[in-house]
Protein backbone atom coordinates (compact mmCIF):
# COMPACT_ATOMS: atom_id res chain seq x y z
CA MET A 1 -29.38 124.97 -15.93
CA THR A 2 -26.65 125.93 -13.44
CA TYR A 3 -25.99 124.38 -10.07
CA GLN A 4 -24.70 126.14 -6.97
CA SER A 5 -21.80 124.77 -5.06
CA ALA A 6 -22.33 123.82 -1.41
CA SER A 7 -20.66 127.03 -0.21
CA GLU A 8 -22.94 129.15 -2.40
CA GLN A 9 -26.11 127.50 -1.07
CA PHE A 10 -25.72 128.55 2.56
CA ALA A 11 -25.63 132.13 3.77
CA ALA A 12 -23.50 131.27 6.82
CA LYS A 13 -20.00 130.32 5.84
CA ILE A 14 -17.72 128.15 7.93
CA PRO A 15 -14.44 129.99 8.51
CA ALA A 16 -11.37 128.59 6.81
CA ARG A 17 -8.70 126.91 8.89
CA GLY A 18 -6.72 129.45 10.91
CA MET A 19 -9.33 132.20 10.53
CA SER A 20 -11.13 133.67 13.50
CA ILE A 21 -14.57 132.25 14.23
CA SER A 22 -15.67 135.25 16.28
CA SER A 23 -17.94 136.39 13.47
CA ALA A 24 -19.52 132.96 13.07
CA PRO A 25 -23.22 132.87 14.00
CA PHE A 26 -22.83 130.17 16.63
CA LEU A 27 -21.52 130.03 20.17
CA THR A 28 -17.98 129.07 20.86
CA ALA A 29 -17.22 126.92 23.86
CA ARG A 30 -15.66 129.90 25.65
CA ASN A 31 -18.76 132.06 25.09
CA ALA A 32 -21.04 129.26 26.26
CA LEU A 33 -18.98 128.78 29.42
CA GLY A 34 -19.00 132.53 30.02
CA GLN A 35 -22.78 132.59 29.79
CA LEU A 36 -23.08 129.61 32.12
CA GLU A 37 -20.77 131.35 34.59
CA THR A 38 -22.99 134.44 34.50
CA ILE A 39 -26.09 132.35 35.16
CA PHE A 40 -24.51 130.50 38.09
CA ARG A 41 -23.14 133.72 39.59
CA SER A 42 -26.64 135.21 39.45
CA ILE A 43 -28.14 132.16 41.13
CA GLY A 44 -25.43 132.24 43.80
CA ALA A 45 -25.98 135.93 44.45
CA ALA A 46 -29.71 135.33 44.83
CA ILE A 47 -29.13 132.52 47.33
CA VAL A 48 -26.66 134.58 49.35
CA GLY A 49 -29.00 137.56 49.26
CA SER A 50 -31.96 135.57 50.50
CA THR A 51 -29.88 133.98 53.26
CA ASN A 52 -28.59 137.39 54.34
CA SER A 53 -32.10 138.83 54.23
CA ASN A 54 -33.44 135.94 56.29
CA ALA A 55 -30.72 136.49 58.88
CA ARG A 56 -31.70 140.18 59.16
CA VAL A 57 -35.37 139.31 59.58
CA ASN A 58 -34.40 136.85 62.33
CA ARG A 59 -32.34 139.62 64.00
CA VAL A 60 -35.33 142.01 63.89
CA GLU A 61 -37.58 139.36 65.44
CA ALA A 62 -35.03 138.64 68.16
CA LEU A 63 -34.76 142.32 69.04
CA ARG A 64 -38.55 142.77 69.02
CA ALA A 65 -38.82 139.87 71.49
CA LYS A 66 -36.68 141.80 74.03
CA SER A 67 -38.24 144.01 76.67
CA ASP A 68 -38.05 147.80 76.52
CA ASP A 69 -35.53 147.75 79.40
CA GLU A 70 -33.24 145.34 77.53
CA LEU A 71 -33.44 147.48 74.40
CA ALA A 72 -32.69 150.62 76.45
CA ARG A 73 -29.54 148.97 77.83
CA MET A 74 -28.50 148.30 74.24
CA GLY A 75 -29.16 151.94 73.37
CA LEU A 76 -32.16 151.16 71.18
CA LYS A 77 -35.80 152.16 71.08
CA ARG A 78 -38.42 149.76 69.81
CA ASP A 79 -39.20 152.10 66.88
CA ASP A 80 -35.54 152.05 65.78
CA ILE A 81 -35.06 148.26 65.55
CA VAL A 82 -35.59 147.96 61.78
CA ASN A 83 -33.40 151.00 61.07
CA HIS A 84 -30.69 149.56 63.32
CA VAL A 85 -30.68 146.13 61.61
CA PHE A 86 -30.88 147.43 58.01
CA ASN A 87 -28.81 150.60 58.55
CA ASP A 88 -25.87 149.51 56.37
CA LEU A 89 -28.14 148.85 53.40
CA TYR A 90 -29.80 152.24 53.43
CA TYR A 91 -27.05 154.56 54.57
CA SER A 92 -23.82 153.06 53.22
């Protein structure tokens, strides 16, 4: 009967000292931090996007509350309010 050594038992080998661990099947601290950074950037972008969107909706509501005469002085028609507020998103 033959016995396997500890290194022969496991398919994943721990790299020897001084060797690169980039091929190891586990996360390095740098990779983990990079993934966390990506997650937090995505969350931040979503928060900023919703805040910006909310500000635009508030701007549309404020313009809709104005009279036709006030809008005319601003050079706007009531039908053009949404296009005016969101113009940079659609035509940039």
